[in-house]
PDB file of N, CA and C in Angstrom:
ATOM      1  N   MET A   1      14.189  16.766  29.103  1.00  0.00           N
ATOM      2  CA  MET A   1      13.082  17.517  28.542  1.00  0.00           C
ATOM      3  C   MET A   1      12.847  17.072  27.101  1.00  0.00           C
ATOM      4  N   LEU A   2      11.600  17.003  26.697  1.00  0.00           N
ATOM      5  CA  LEU A   2      11.260  16.593  25.352  1.00  0.00           C
ATOM      6  C   LEU A   2      11.457  17.731  24.368  1.00  0.00           C
ATOM      7  N   GLN A   3      11.918  17.372  23.195  1.00  0.00           N
ATOM      8  CA  GLN A   3      12.074  18.353  22.128  1.00  0.00           C
ATOM      9  C   GLN A   3      11.300  17.873  20.913  1.00  0.00           C
ATOM     10  N   SER A   4      10.696  18.790  20.196  1.00  0.00           N
ATOM     11  CA  SER A   4       9.972  18.406  18.982  1.00  0.00           C
ATOM     12  C   SER A   4      10.964  18.203  17.841  1.00  0.00           C
ATOM     13  N   VAL A   5      10.625  17.289  16.963  1.00  0.00           N
ATOM     14  CA  VAL A   5      11.448  17.015  15.781  1.00  0.00           C
ATOM     15  C   VAL A   5      10.551  17.020  14.554  1.00  0.00           C
ATOM     16  N   LYS A   6      11.121  17.270  13.411  1.00  0.00           N
ATOM     17  CA  LYS A   6      10.362  17.246  12.162  1.00  0.00           C
ATOM     18  C   LYS A   6      10.169  15.796  11.728  1.00  0.00           C
ATOM     19  N   ASN A   7       9.038  15.516  11.111  1.00  0.00           N
ATOM     20  CA  ASN A   7       8.718  14.150  10.695  1.00  0.00           C
ATOM     21  C   ASN A   7       9.736  13.565   9.738  1.00  0.00           C
ATOM     22  N   ASN A   8      10.271  14.370   8.853  1.00  0.00           N
ATOM     23  CA  ASN A   8      11.202  13.836   7.848  1.00  0.00           C
ATOM     24  C   ASN A   8      12.589  13.542   8.418  1.00  0.00           C
ATOM     25  N   THR A   9      12.813  13.835   9.689  1.00  0.00           N
ATOM     26  CA  THR A   9      14.117  13.544  10.293  1.00  0.00           C
ATOM     27  C   THR A   9      14.089  12.266  11.126  1.00  0.00           C
ATOM     28  N   VAL A  10      12.927  11.610  11.202  1.00  0.00           N
ATOM     29  CA  VAL A  10      12.770  10.401  12.004  1.00  0.00           C
ATOM     30  C   VAL A  10      12.555   9.215  11.074  1.00  0.00           C
ATOM     31  N   SER A  11      13.243   8.114  11.347  1.00  0.00           N
ATOM     32  CA  SER A  11      13.018   6.898  10.577  1.00  0.00           C
ATOM     33  C   SER A  11      13.012   5.697  11.529  1.00  0.00           C
ATOM     34  N   ILE A  12      12.244   4.692  11.149  1.00  0.00           N
ATOM     35  CA  ILE A  12      12.180   3.464  11.947  1.00  0.00           C
ATOM     36  C   ILE A  12      13.163   2.480  11.341  1.00  0.00           C
ATOM     37  N   LEU A  13      14.108   2.056  12.125  1.00  0.00           N
ATOM     38  CA  LEU A  13      15.150   1.153  11.646  1.00  0.00           C
ATOM     39  C   LEU A  13      14.617  -0.270  11.551  1.00  0.00           C
ATOM     40  N   PRO A  14      15.277  -1.133  10.765  1.00  0.00           N
ATOM     41  CA  PRO A  14      14.843  -2.528  10.677  1.00  0.00           C
ATOM     42  C   PRO A  14      14.800  -3.174  12.061  1.00  0.00           C
ATOM     43  N   GLY A  15      13.769  -3.953  12.268  1.00  0.00           N
ATOM     44  CA  GLY A  15      13.579  -4.618  13.551  1.00  0.00           C
ATOM     45  C   GLY A  15      12.116  -4.908  13.769  1.00  0.00           C
ATOM     46  N   LEU A  16      11.769  -5.232  14.981  1.00  0.00           N
ATOM     47  CA  LEU A  16      10.411  -5.630  15.318  1.00  0.00           C
ATOM     48  C   LEU A  16       9.394  -4.530  15.013  1.00  0.00           C
ATOM     49  N   PHE A  17       9.675  -3.300  15.395  1.00  0.00           N
ATOM     50  CA  PHE A  17       8.724  -2.219  15.182  1.00  0.00           C
ATOM     51  C   PHE A  17       8.525  -1.946  13.700  1.00  0.00           C
ATOM     52  N   ARG A  18       9.574  -2.027  12.912  1.00  0.00           N
ATOM     53  CA  ARG A  18       9.466  -1.824  11.463  1.00  0.00           C
ATOM     54  C   ARG A  18       8.637  -2.940  10.823  1.00  0.00           C
ATOM     55  N   GLU A  19       8.854  -4.167  11.251  1.00  0.00           N
ATOM     56  CA  GLU A  19       8.092  -5.301  10.712  1.00  0.00           C
ATOM     57  C   GLU A  19       6.608  -5.143  11.028  1.00  0.00           C
ATOM     58  N   ARG A  20       6.291  -4.788  12.260  1.00  0.00           N
ATOM     59  CA  ARG A  20       4.889  -4.612  12.648  1.00  0.00           C
ATOM     60  C   ARG A  20       4.246  -3.463  11.880  1.00  0.00           C
ATOM     61  N   MET A  21       4.992  -2.386  11.673  1.00  0.00           N
ATOM     62  CA  MET A  21       4.482  -1.259  10.911  1.00  0.00           C
ATOM     63  C   MET A  21       4.167  -1.680   9.479  1.00  0.00           C
ATOM     64  N   ASP A  22       5.054  -2.446   8.864  1.00  0.00           N
ATOM     65  CA  ASP A  22       4.845  -2.900   7.490  1.00  0.00           C
ATOM     66  C   ASP A  22       3.652  -3.846   7.384  1.00  0.00           C
ATOM     67  N   VAL A  23       3.496  -4.735   8.364  1.00  0.00           N
ATOM     68  CA  VAL A  23       2.349  -5.657   8.368  1.00  0.00           C
ATOM     69  C   VAL A  23       1.045  -4.872   8.498  1.00  0.00           C
ATOM     70  N   ASN A  24       1.010  -3.911   9.403  1.00  0.00           N
ATOM     71  CA  ASN A  24      -0.192  -3.098   9.598  1.00  0.00           C
ATOM     72  C   ASN A  24      -0.508  -2.279   8.355  1.00  0.00           C
ATOM     73  N   ARG A  25       0.487  -1.696   7.737  1.00  0.00           N
ATOM     74  CA  ARG A  25       0.279  -0.899   6.525  1.00  0.00           C
ATOM     75  C   ARG A  25      -0.278  -1.776   5.406  1.00  0.00           C
ATOM     76  N   SER A  26       0.287  -2.967   5.236  1.00  0.00           N
ATOM     77  CA  SER A  26      -0.196  -3.881   4.190  1.00  0.00           C
ATOM     78  C   SER A  26      -1.653  -4.259   4.422  1.00  0.00           C
ATOM     79  N   TYR A  27      -1.990  -4.555   5.673  1.00  0.00           N
ATOM     80  CA  TYR A  27      -3.366  -4.912   6.007  1.00  0.00           C
ATOM     81  C   TYR A  27      -4.325  -3.759   5.699  1.00  0.00           C
ATOM     82  N   LEU A  28      -3.978  -2.558   6.124  1.00  0.00           N
ATOM     83  CA  LEU A  28      -4.858  -1.413   5.897  1.00  0.00           C
ATOM     84  C   LEU A  28      -5.018  -1.097   4.413  1.00  0.00           C
ATOM     85  N   MET A  29      -3.968  -1.305   3.634  1.00  0.00           N
ATOM     86  CA  MET A  29      -4.043  -1.033   2.201  1.00  0.00           C
ATOM     87  C   MET A  29      -4.936  -2.047   1.488  1.00  0.00           C
ATOM     88  N   GLU A  30      -5.128  -3.230   2.052  1.00  0.00           N
ATOM     89  CA  GLU A  30      -6.001  -4.249   1.460  1.00  0.00           C
ATOM     90  C   GLU A  30      -7.479  -3.946   1.689  1.00  0.00           C
ATOM     91  N   LEU A  31      -7.789  -3.146   2.680  1.00  0.00           N
ATOM     92  CA  LEU A  31      -9.179  -2.866   3.013  1.00  0.00           C
ATOM     93  C   LEU A  31      -9.798  -1.900   2.017  1.00  0.00           C
ATOM     94  N   ASP A  32     -11.105  -2.031   1.830  1.00  0.00           N
ATOM     95  CA  ASP A  32     -11.849  -1.155   0.934  1.00  0.00           C
ATOM     96  C   ASP A  32     -12.070   0.194   1.617  1.00  0.00           C
ATOM     97  N   SER A  33     -11.720   1.268   0.944  1.00  0.00           N
ATOM     98  CA  SER A  33     -11.818   2.591   1.565  1.00  0.00           C
ATOM     99  C   SER A  33     -13.262   2.970   1.884  1.00  0.00           C
ATOM    100  N   THR A  34     -14.217   2.513   1.088  1.00  0.00           N
ATOM    101  CA  THR A  34     -15.618   2.811   1.365  1.00  0.00           C
ATOM    102  C   THR A  34     -16.049   2.203   2.689  1.00  0.00           C
ATOM    103  N   CYS A  35     -15.606   0.993   2.957  1.00  0.00           N
ATOM    104  CA  CYS A  35     -15.949   0.343   4.224  1.00  0.00           C
ATOM    105  C   CYS A  35     -15.294   1.055   5.405  1.00  0.00           C
ATOM    106  N   LEU A  36     -14.065   1.512   5.206  1.00  0.00           N
ATOM    107  CA  LEU A  36     -13.388   2.226   6.286  1.00  0.00           C
ATOM    108  C   LEU A  36     -14.083   3.548   6.613  1.00  0.00           C
ATOM    109  N   LEU A  37     -14.686   4.168   5.604  1.00  0.00           N
ATOM    110  CA  LEU A  37     -15.322   5.471   5.792  1.00  0.00           C
ATOM    111  C   LEU A  37     -16.820   5.379   6.070  1.00  0.00           C
ATOM    112  N   GLN A  38     -17.347   4.181   6.254  1.00  0.00           N
ATOM    113  CA  GLN A  38     -18.778   3.981   6.402  1.00  0.00           C
ATOM    114  C   GLN A  38     -19.380   4.827   7.525  1.00  0.00           C
ATOM    115  N   ASN A  39     -18.763   4.854   8.681  1.00  0.00           N
ATOM    116  CA  ASN A  39     -19.317   5.631   9.799  1.00  0.00           C
ATOM    117  C   ASN A  39     -19.302   7.130   9.517  1.00  0.00           C
ATOM    118  N   PHE A  40     -18.289   7.607   8.804  1.00  0.00           N
ATOM    119  CA  PHE A  40     -18.252   9.021   8.448  1.00  0.00           C
ATOM    120  C   PHE A  40     -19.382   9.360   7.480  1.00  0.00           C
ATOM    121  N   TYR A  41     -19.637   8.456   6.520  1.00  0.00           N
ATOM    122  CA  TYR A  41     -20.745   8.659   5.590  1.00  0.00           C
ATOM    123  C   TYR A  41     -22.073   8.696   6.343  1.00  0.00           C
ATOM    124  N   LEU A  42     -22.266   7.786   7.277  1.00  0.00           N
ATOM    125  CA  LEU A  42     -23.512   7.759   8.045  1.00  0.00           C
ATOM    126  C   LEU A  42     -23.703   9.035   8.853  1.00  0.00           C
ATOM    127  N   GLU A  43     -22.648   9.510   9.501  1.00  0.00           N
ATOM    128  CA  GLU A  43     -22.737  10.741  10.290  1.00  0.00           C
ATOM    129  C   GLU A  43     -23.043  11.950   9.408  1.00  0.00           C
ATOM    130  N   ALA A  44     -22.568  11.925   8.166  1.00  0.00           N
ATOM    131  CA  ALA A  44     -22.806  13.028   7.243  1.00  0.00           C
ATOM    132  C   ALA A  44     -24.176  12.925   6.585  1.00  0.00           C
ATOM    133  N   GLY A  45     -24.889  11.806   6.806  1.00  0.00           N
ATOM    134  CA  GLY A  45     -26.211  11.660   6.247  1.00  0.00           C
ATOM    135  C   GLY A  45     -26.248  10.991   4.883  1.00  0.00           C
ATOM    136  N   PHE A  46     -25.126  10.450   4.426  1.00  0.00           N
ATOM    137  CA  PHE A  46     -25.078   9.753   3.153  1.00  0.00           C
ATOM    138  C   PHE A  46     -25.437   8.286   3.372  1.00  0.00           C
ATOM    139  N   ILE A  47     -26.251   7.776   2.485  1.00  0.00           N
ATOM    140  CA  ILE A  47     -26.575   6.355   2.516  1.00  0.00           C
ATOM    141  C   ILE A  47     -26.014   5.752   1.237  1.00  0.00           C
ATOM    142  N   LEU A  48     -25.050   4.874   1.378  1.00  0.00           N
ATOM    143  CA  LEU A  48     -24.416   4.281   0.219  1.00  0.00           C
ATOM    144  C   LEU A  48     -25.091   2.967  -0.137  1.00  0.00           C
ATOM    145  N   PRO A  49     -25.383   2.764  -1.407  1.00  0.00           N
ATOM    146  CA  PRO A  49     -26.001   1.498  -1.795  1.00  0.00           C
ATOM    147  C   PRO A  49     -25.028   0.337  -1.598  1.00  0.00           C
ATOM    148  N   GLY A  50     -25.559  -0.784  -1.164  1.00  0.00           N
ATOM    149  CA  GLY A  50     -24.737  -1.984  -1.008  1.00  0.00           C
ATOM    150  C   GLY A  50     -24.046  -2.100   0.330  1.00  0.00           C
ATOM    151  N   LEU A  51     -24.204  -1.130   1.222  1.00  0.00           N
ATOM    152  CA  LEU A  51     -23.564  -1.213   2.542  1.00  0.00           C
ATOM    153  C   LEU A  51     -24.599  -1.388   3.618  1.00  0.00           C
TER     154      LEU A  51
END
């Protein structure tokens, strides 16, 4: 049976999954937040200049 755990009690150990997580995090941090939120701005009715 599955049991719930608190987020601060779980850690990803060094290995393939940790490496992939770090690569993905680095990639996402390089992206411009305005571009990531573009669809949310459009749905809210905001038109941003330059996009």
